[in-house]
Each structure stands twice: as structure tokens, then as C-alpha cells.
């Protein structure tokens, strides 16, 4: 999930239309209002899960953030 979000943030096709940096230096990003379903559907395609919802994806995002499984996005801006 962290690689997927990083790839979206580094892709001009999705940034800033679906996701955007709030603070790039700190690795803080935002999913654009109204685009959460679309982003979840993209993640569902990656995971081969046609029933992916933003609620499910959001739960995973919170889990990995709370457990510090997310790496710092600012470290891979390259």
C-alpha cells in the first residue's frame, strides 16, 4: 500500500487530481475529496479485489500508519 501511494504521488496523471502532497518534506499527503472511491478502486485492481472500498483501504492506511509500517515518503522522493 505504501508503494502504491508513493507511485500515485509521483505520477502527474494522479497528482494533484487524485492525491496531493500536503507537506512533501514530511511525507504528508492527502487523497482529494471526491476521489477516494477512485483511488480505492485502483488499489483494488492492484490487489485483485473488485470489492475494495475506501473504508477497507482507509483501515489499512490507518493500520500501517499506526504500526509505523509506512516508510517516510520524503525518503524516496528521489
PDB file of N, CA and C in Angstrom:
ATOM      1  N   UNK A   1       0.822  -1.196   0.000  1.00  0.00           N
ATOM      2  CA  UNK A   1       0.000   0.000   0.000  1.00  0.00           C
ATOM      3  C   UNK A   1       0.863   1.255   0.000  1.00  0.00           C
ATOM      4  N   UNK A   2       1.954   1.212   0.738  1.00  0.00           N
ATOM      5  CA  UNK A   2       2.831   2.385   0.763  1.00  0.00           C
ATOM      6  C   UNK A   2       3.460   2.631  -0.608  1.00  0.00           C
ATOM      7  N   UNK A   3       3.873   1.563  -1.297  1.00  0.00           N
ATOM      8  CA  UNK A   3       4.433   1.727  -2.649  1.00  0.00           C
ATOM      9  C   UNK A   3       3.377   2.250  -3.619  1.00  0.00           C
ATOM     10  N   UNK A   4       2.157   1.766  -3.499  1.00  0.00           N
ATOM     11  CA  UNK A   4       1.057   2.220  -4.343  1.00  0.00           C
ATOM     12  C   UNK A   4       0.816   3.717  -4.146  1.00  0.00           C
ATOM     13  N   UNK A   5       0.749   4.165  -2.900  1.00  0.00           N
ATOM     14  CA  UNK A   5       0.519   5.584  -2.623  1.00  0.00           C
ATOM     15  C   UNK A   5       1.698   6.417  -3.116  1.00  0.00           C
ATOM     16  N   UNK A   6       2.911   5.937  -2.914  1.00  0.00           N
ATOM     17  CA  UNK A   6       4.093   6.646  -3.406  1.00  0.00           C
ATOM     18  C   UNK A   6       4.039   6.804  -4.918  1.00  0.00           C
ATOM     19  N   UNK A   7       3.655   5.721  -5.603  1.00  0.00           N
ATOM     20  CA  UNK A   7       3.583   5.767  -7.059  1.00  0.00           C
ATOM     21  C   UNK A   7       2.522   6.758  -7.537  1.00  0.00           C
ATOM     22  N   UNK A   8       1.382   6.802  -6.868  1.00  0.00           N
ATOM     23  CA  UNK A   8       0.351   7.787  -7.221  1.00  0.00           C
ATOM     24  C   UNK A   8       0.864   9.210  -7.026  1.00  0.00           C
ATOM     25  N   UNK A   9       1.524   9.427  -5.906  1.00  0.00           N
ATOM     26  CA  UNK A   9       2.028  10.770  -5.594  1.00  0.00           C
ATOM     27  C   UNK A   9       3.110  11.221  -6.567  1.00  0.00           C
ATOM     28  N   UNK A  10       3.848  10.286  -7.131  1.00  0.00           N
ATOM     29  CA  UNK A  10       4.910  10.628  -8.078  1.00  0.00           C
ATOM     30  C   UNK A  10       4.450  10.616  -9.526  1.00  0.00           C
ATOM     31  N   UNK A  11       3.163  10.356  -9.759  1.00  0.00           N
ATOM     32  CA  UNK A  11       2.636  10.259 -11.117  1.00  0.00           C
ATOM     33  C   UNK A  11       1.781  11.492 -11.431  1.00  0.00           C
ATOM     34  N   UNK A  12       2.175  12.302 -12.410  1.00  0.00           N
ATOM     35  CA  UNK A  12       1.406  13.507 -12.739  1.00  0.00           C
ATOM     36  C   UNK A  12      -0.012  13.209 -13.243  1.00  0.00           C
ATOM     37  N   UNK A  13      -0.279  11.971 -13.628  1.00  0.00           N
ATOM     38  CA  UNK A  13      -1.634  11.603 -14.026  1.00  0.00           C
ATOM     39  C   UNK A  13      -2.570  11.615 -12.805  1.00  0.00           C
ATOM     40  N   UNK A  14      -2.034  11.371 -11.603  1.00  0.00           N
ATOM     41  CA  UNK A  14      -2.852  11.283 -10.388  1.00  0.00           C
ATOM     42  C   UNK A  14      -2.581  12.404  -9.387  1.00  0.00           C
ATOM     43  N   UNK A  15      -1.426  13.011  -9.469  1.00  0.00           N
ATOM     44  CA  UNK A  15      -1.070  14.095  -8.552  1.00  0.00           C
ATOM     45  C   UNK A  15      -1.035  15.389  -9.351  1.00  0.00           C
ATOM     46  N   UNK A  16      -1.877  16.348  -9.124  1.00  0.00           N
ATOM     47  CA  UNK A  16      -2.726  16.576  -7.962  1.00  0.00           C
ATOM     48  C   UNK A  16      -4.209  16.266  -8.171  1.00  0.00           C
ATOM     49  N   UNK A  17      -4.582  15.537  -9.224  1.00  0.00           N
ATOM     50  CA  UNK A  17      -6.012  15.329  -9.476  1.00  0.00           C
ATOM     51  C   UNK A  17      -6.671  14.371  -8.486  1.00  0.00           C
ATOM     52  N   UNK A  18      -5.924  13.376  -7.972  1.00  0.00           N
ATOM     53  CA  UNK A  18      -6.492  12.394  -7.039  1.00  0.00           C
ATOM     54  C   UNK A  18      -5.830  12.429  -5.671  1.00  0.00           C
ATOM     55  N   UNK A  19      -4.536  12.658  -5.661  1.00  0.00           N
ATOM     56  CA  UNK A  19      -3.773  12.752  -4.414  1.00  0.00           C
ATOM     57  C   UNK A  19      -2.854  13.958  -4.532  1.00  0.00           C
ATOM     58  N   UNK A  20      -2.464  14.491  -3.410  1.00  0.00           N
ATOM     59  CA  UNK A  20      -1.523  15.612  -3.453  1.00  0.00           C
ATOM     60  C   UNK A  20      -0.727  15.649  -2.159  1.00  0.00           C
ATOM     61  N   UNK A  21       0.426  16.266  -2.259  1.00  0.00           N
ATOM     62  CA  UNK A  21       1.264  16.473  -1.092  1.00  0.00           C
ATOM     63  C   UNK A  21       0.690  17.603  -0.250  1.00  0.00           C
ATOM     64  N   UNK A  22       0.602  17.389   1.039  1.00  0.00           N
ATOM     65  CA  UNK A  22       0.295  18.453   1.990  1.00  0.00           C
ATOM     66  C   UNK A  22       1.603  19.048   2.484  1.00  0.00           C
ATOM     67  N   UNK A  23       2.563  18.171   2.741  1.00  0.00           N
ATOM     68  CA  UNK A  23       3.902  18.593   3.144  1.00  0.00           C
ATOM     69  C   UNK A  23       4.869  17.526   2.631  1.00  0.00           C
ATOM     70  N   UNK A  24       5.428  17.784   1.478  1.00  0.00           N
ATOM     71  CA  UNK A  24       6.282  16.797   0.824  1.00  0.00           C
ATOM     72  C   UNK A  24       7.509  16.462   1.656  1.00  0.00           C
ATOM     73  N   UNK A  25       8.101  17.473   2.289  1.00  0.00           N
ATOM     74  CA  UNK A  25       9.305  17.244   3.096  1.00  0.00           C
ATOM     75  C   UNK A  25       9.033  16.297   4.264  1.00  0.00           C
ATOM     76  N   UNK A  26       7.818  16.347   4.824  1.00  0.00           N
ATOM     77  CA  UNK A  26       7.464  15.468   5.941  1.00  0.00           C
ATOM     78  C   UNK A  26       6.760  14.197   5.483  1.00  0.00           C
ATOM     79  N   UNK A  27       6.499  14.089   4.179  1.00  0.00           N
ATOM     80  CA  UNK A  27       5.851  12.895   3.654  1.00  0.00           C
ATOM     81  C   UNK A  27       4.360  12.834   3.934  1.00  0.00           C
ATOM     82  N   UNK A  28       3.715  13.990   4.124  1.00  0.00           N
ATOM     83  CA  UNK A  28       2.287  14.037   4.428  1.00  0.00           C
ATOM     84  C   UNK A  28       1.514  14.299   3.139  1.00  0.00           C
ATOM     85  N   UNK A  29       0.531  13.450   2.871  1.00  0.00           N
ATOM     86  CA  UNK A  29      -0.253  13.578   1.657  1.00  0.00           C
ATOM     87  C   UNK A  29      -1.740  13.547   1.973  1.00  0.00           C
ATOM     88  N   UNK A  30      -2.547  13.894   0.971  1.00  0.00           N
ATOM     89  CA  UNK A  30      -3.999  13.891   1.105  1.00  0.00           C
ATOM     90  C   UNK A  30      -4.607  13.264  -0.143  1.00  0.00           C
ATOM     91  N   UNK A  31      -5.657  12.466   0.070  1.00  0.00           N
ATOM     92  CA  UNK A  31      -6.463  11.985  -1.041  1.00  0.00           C
ATOM     93  C   UNK A  31      -7.529  13.048  -1.275  1.00  0.00           C
ATOM     94  N   UNK A  32      -7.651  13.500  -2.513  1.00  0.00           N
ATOM     95  CA  UNK A  32      -8.546  14.597  -2.862  1.00  0.00           C
ATOM     96  C   UNK A  32      -9.997  14.199  -2.594  1.00  0.00           C
ATOM     97  N   UNK A  33     -10.751  15.124  -2.006  1.00  0.00           N
ATOM     98  CA  UNK A  33     -12.167  14.898  -1.734  1.00  0.00           C
ATOM     99  C   UNK A  33     -12.892  14.527  -3.023  1.00  0.00           C
ATOM    100  N   UNK A  34     -13.693  13.493  -2.949  1.00  0.00           N
ATOM    101  CA  UNK A  34     -14.421  13.018  -4.122  1.00  0.00           C
ATOM    102  C   UNK A  34     -13.663  11.998  -4.948  1.00  0.00           C
ATOM    103  N   UNK A  35     -12.396  11.768  -4.637  1.00  0.00           N
ATOM    104  CA  UNK A  35     -11.568  10.818  -5.398  1.00  0.00           C
ATOM    105  C   UNK A  35     -11.245   9.556  -4.604  1.00  0.00           C
ATOM    106  N   UNK A  36     -11.737   9.472  -3.378  1.00  0.00           N
ATOM    107  CA  UNK A  36     -11.386   8.330  -2.534  1.00  0.00           C
ATOM    108  C   UNK A  36     -11.886   7.010  -3.123  1.00  0.00           C
ATOM    109  N   UNK A  37     -13.090   7.005  -3.694  1.00  0.00           N
ATOM    110  CA  UNK A  37     -13.611   5.777  -4.295  1.00  0.00           C
ATOM    111  C   UNK A  37     -12.737   5.355  -5.477  1.00  0.00           C
ATOM    112  N   UNK A  38     -12.342   6.315  -6.303  1.00  0.00           N
ATOM    113  CA  UNK A  38     -11.491   6.022  -7.454  1.00  0.00           C
ATOM    114  C   UNK A  38     -10.139   5.448  -7.009  1.00  0.00           C
ATOM    115  N   UNK A  39      -9.530   6.068  -6.010  1.00  0.00           N
ATOM    116  CA  UNK A  39      -8.234   5.590  -5.504  1.00  0.00           C
ATOM    117  C   UNK A  39      -8.378   4.179  -4.936  1.00  0.00           C
ATOM    118  N   UNK A  40      -9.471   3.938  -4.206  1.00  0.00           N
ATOM    119  CA  UNK A  40      -9.705   2.597  -3.649  1.00  0.00           C
ATOM    120  C   UNK A  40      -9.901   1.573  -4.764  1.00  0.00           C
ATOM    121  N   UNK A  41     -10.588   1.967  -5.838  1.00  0.00           N
ATOM    122  CA  UNK A  41     -10.771   1.049  -6.962  1.00  0.00           C
ATOM    123  C   UNK A  41      -9.442   0.724  -7.636  1.00  0.00           C
ATOM    124  N   UNK A  42      -8.568   1.726  -7.757  1.00  0.00           N
ATOM    125  CA  UNK A  42      -7.224   1.462  -8.300  1.00  0.00           C
ATOM    126  C   UNK A  42      -6.475   0.470  -7.412  1.00  0.00           C
ATOM    127  N   UNK A  43      -6.549   0.667  -6.103  1.00  0.00           N
ATOM    128  CA  UNK A  43      -5.893  -0.241  -5.160  1.00  0.00           C
ATOM    129  C   UNK A  43      -6.509  -1.639  -5.266  1.00  0.00           C
ATOM    130  N   UNK A  44      -7.821  -1.701  -5.439  1.00  0.00           N
ATOM    131  CA  UNK A  44      -8.493  -2.986  -5.606  1.00  0.00           C
ATOM    132  C   UNK A  44      -8.010  -3.720  -6.847  1.00  0.00           C
ATOM    133  N   UNK A  45      -7.740  -2.981  -7.912  1.00  0.00           N
ATOM    134  CA  UNK A  45      -7.209  -3.604  -9.128  1.00  0.00           C
ATOM    135  C   UNK A  45      -5.840  -4.209  -8.864  1.00  0.00           C
ATOM    136  N   UNK A  46      -5.013  -3.479  -8.135  1.00  0.00           N
ATOM    137  CA  UNK A  46      -3.670  -3.989  -7.788  1.00  0.00           C
ATOM    138  C   UNK A  46      -3.780  -5.255  -6.945  1.00  0.00           C
ATOM    139  N   UNK A  47      -4.707  -5.237  -5.986  1.00  0.00           N
ATOM    140  CA  UNK A  47      -4.867  -6.366  -5.065  1.00  0.00           C
ATOM    141  C   UNK A  47      -5.777  -7.460  -5.616  1.00  0.00           C
ATOM    142  N   UNK A  48      -6.277  -7.249  -6.848  1.00  0.00           N
ATOM    143  CA  UNK A  48      -7.182  -8.226  -7.466  1.00  0.00           C
ATOM    144  C   UNK A  48      -8.432  -8.420  -6.603  1.00  0.00           C
ATOM    145  N   UNK A  49      -8.975  -7.300  -6.092  1.00  0.00           N
ATOM    146  CA  UNK A  49     -10.143  -7.317  -5.222  1.00  0.00           C
ATOM    147  C   UNK A  49     -11.166  -6.320  -5.762  1.00  0.00           C
ATOM    148  N   UNK A  50     -12.139  -6.828  -6.511  1.00  0.00           N
ATOM    149  CA  UNK A  50     -13.134  -5.956  -7.129  1.00  0.00           C
ATOM    150  C   UNK A  50     -14.090  -5.338  -6.111  1.00  0.00           C
ATOM    151  N   UNK A  51     -14.064  -5.806  -4.871  1.00  0.00           N
ATOM    152  CA  UNK A  51     -14.954  -5.285  -3.840  1.00  0.00           C
ATOM    153  C   UNK A  51     -14.243  -4.308  -2.890  1.00  0.00           C
ATOM    154  N   UNK A  52     -13.072  -3.815  -3.299  1.00  0.00           N
ATOM    155  CA  UNK A  52     -12.324  -2.877  -2.462  1.00  0.00           C
ATOM    156  C   UNK A  52     -13.116  -1.580  -2.320  1.00  0.00           C
ATOM    157  N   UNK A  53     -13.197  -1.092  -1.089  1.00  0.00           N
ATOM    158  CA  UNK A  53     -13.844   0.195  -0.804  1.00  0.00           C
ATOM    159  C   UNK A  53     -12.830   1.101  -0.129  1.00  0.00           C
ATOM    160  N   UNK A  54     -13.154   2.388  -0.075  1.00  0.00           N
ATOM    161  CA  UNK A  54     -12.256   3.302   0.621  1.00  0.00           C
ATOM    162  C   UNK A  54     -12.217   2.988   2.111  1.00  0.00           C
ATOM    163  N   UNK A  55     -13.322   2.506   2.659  1.00  0.00           N
ATOM    164  CA  UNK A  55     -13.338   2.141   4.077  1.00  0.00           C
ATOM    165  C   UNK A  55     -12.301   1.053   4.368  1.00  0.00           C
ATOM    166  N   UNK A  56     -12.251   0.050   3.486  1.00  0.00           N
ATOM    167  CA  UNK A  56     -11.266  -1.027   3.662  1.00  0.00           C
ATOM    168  C   UNK A  56      -9.848  -0.512   3.462  1.00  0.00           C
ATOM    169  N   UNK A  57      -9.656   0.273   2.411  1.00  0.00           N
ATOM    170  CA  UNK A  57      -8.329   0.817   2.154  1.00  0.00           C
ATOM    171  C   UNK A  57      -7.911   1.771   3.270  1.00  0.00           C
ATOM    172  N   UNK A  58      -8.844   2.603   3.725  1.00  0.00           N
ATOM    173  CA  UNK A  58      -8.558   3.543   4.810  1.00  0.00           C
ATOM    174  C   UNK A  58      -8.156   2.829   6.092  1.00  0.00           C
ATOM    175  N   UNK A  59      -8.815   1.704   6.360  1.00  0.00           N
ATOM    176  CA  UNK A  59      -8.459   0.903   7.540  1.00  0.00           C
ATOM    177  C   UNK A  59      -7.022   0.427   7.429  1.00  0.00           C
ATOM    178  N   UNK A  60      -6.637  -0.014   6.249  1.00  0.00           N
ATOM    179  CA  UNK A  60      -5.252  -0.460   6.038  1.00  0.00           C
ATOM    180  C   UNK A  60      -4.270   0.698   6.175  1.00  0.00           C
ATOM    181  N   UNK A  61      -4.636   1.853   5.629  1.00  0.00           N
ATOM    182  CA  UNK A  61      -3.765   3.028   5.759  1.00  0.00           C
ATOM    183  C   UNK A  61      -3.556   3.396   7.225  1.00  0.00           C
ATOM    184  N   UNK A  62      -4.640   3.391   7.984  1.00  0.00           N
ATOM    185  CA  UNK A  62      -4.517   3.727   9.417  1.00  0.00           C
ATOM    186  C   UNK A  62      -3.684   2.688  10.149  1.00  0.00           C
ATOM    187  N   UNK A  63      -3.897   1.423   9.836  1.00  0.00           N
ATOM    188  CA  UNK A  63      -3.151   0.350  10.497  1.00  0.00           C
ATOM    189  C   UNK A  63      -1.659   0.488  10.252  1.00  0.00           C
ATOM    190  N   UNK A  64      -1.281   0.641   8.989  1.00  0.00           N
ATOM    191  CA  UNK A  64       0.148   0.721   8.719  1.00  0.00           C
ATOM    192  C   UNK A  64       0.748   2.009   9.264  1.00  0.00           C
ATOM    193  N   UNK A  65      -0.018   3.094   9.284  1.00  0.00           N
ATOM    194  CA  UNK A  65       0.493   4.344   9.856  1.00  0.00           C
ATOM    195  C   UNK A  65       0.651   4.206  11.364  1.00  0.00           C
ATOM    196  N   UNK A  66      -0.335   3.610  12.024  1.00  0.00           N
ATOM    197  CA  UNK A  66      -0.270   3.437  13.480  1.00  0.00           C
ATOM    198  C   UNK A  66       0.815   2.471  13.906  1.00  0.00           C
ATOM    199  N   UNK A  67       1.076   1.490  13.085  1.00  0.00           N
ATOM    200  CA  UNK A  67       2.090   0.488  13.411  1.00  0.00           C
ATOM    201  C   UNK A  67       3.460   0.873  12.867  1.00  0.00           C
ATOM    202  N   UNK A  68       3.557   2.048  12.275  1.00  0.00           N
ATOM    203  CA  UNK A  68       4.812   2.558  11.708  1.00  0.00           C
ATOM    204  C   UNK A  68       5.334   1.642  10.603  1.00  0.00           C
ATOM    205  N   UNK A  69       4.433   1.004   9.874  1.00  0.00           N
ATOM    206  CA  UNK A  69       4.845   0.168   8.746  1.00  0.00           C
ATOM    207  C   UNK A  69       5.096   1.023   7.522  1.00  0.00           C
ATOM    208  N   UNK A  70       4.496   2.209   7.494  1.00  0.00           N
ATOM    209  CA  UNK A  70       4.725   3.121   6.380  1.00  0.00           C
ATOM    210  C   UNK A  70       6.119   3.681   6.499  1.00  0.00           C
ATOM    211  N   UNK A  71       6.838   3.705   5.406  1.00  0.00           N
ATOM    212  CA  UNK A  71       8.113   4.365   5.419  1.00  0.00           C
ATOM    213  C   UNK A  71       7.862   5.856   5.187  1.00  0.00           C
ATOM    214  N   UNK A  72       8.821   6.654   5.452  1.00  0.00           N
ATOM    215  CA  UNK A  72       8.695   8.088   5.247  1.00  0.00           C
ATOM    216  C   UNK A  72       8.771   8.378   3.755  1.00  0.00           C
ATOM    217  N   UNK A  73       7.665   8.884   3.185  1.00  0.00           N
ATOM    218  CA  UNK A  73       7.634   9.157   1.755  1.00  0.00           C
ATOM    219  C   UNK A  73       8.709  10.135   1.352  1.00  0.00           C
ATOM    220  N   UNK A  74       9.080  11.035   2.241  1.00  0.00           N
ATOM    221  CA  UNK A  74      10.097  12.034   1.863  1.00  0.00           C
ATOM    222  C   UNK A  74      11.447  11.373   1.615  1.00  0.00           C
ATOM    223  N   UNK A  75      11.661  10.162   2.112  1.00  0.00           N
ATOM    224  CA  UNK A  75      12.930   9.460   1.888  1.00  0.00           C
ATOM    225  C   UNK A  75      13.056   8.920   0.468  1.00  0.00           C
ATOM    226  N   UNK A  76      11.929   8.811  -0.246  1.00  0.00           N
ATOM    227  CA  UNK A  76      12.006   8.179  -1.573  1.00  0.00           C
ATOM    228  C   UNK A  76      11.560   9.141  -2.659  1.00  0.00           C
ATOM    229  N   UNK A  77      11.724  10.401  -2.466  1.00  0.00           N
ATOM    230  CA  UNK A  77      11.282  11.369  -3.460  1.00  0.00           C
ATOM    231  C   UNK A  77      12.203  11.430  -4.655  1.00  0.00           C
ATOM    232  N   UNK A  78      13.433  11.035  -4.467  1.00  0.00           N
ATOM    233  CA  UNK A  78      14.451  10.907  -5.445  1.00  0.00           C
ATOM    234  C   UNK A  78      14.446  11.766  -6.586  1.00  0.00           C
TER     235      UNK A  78
END
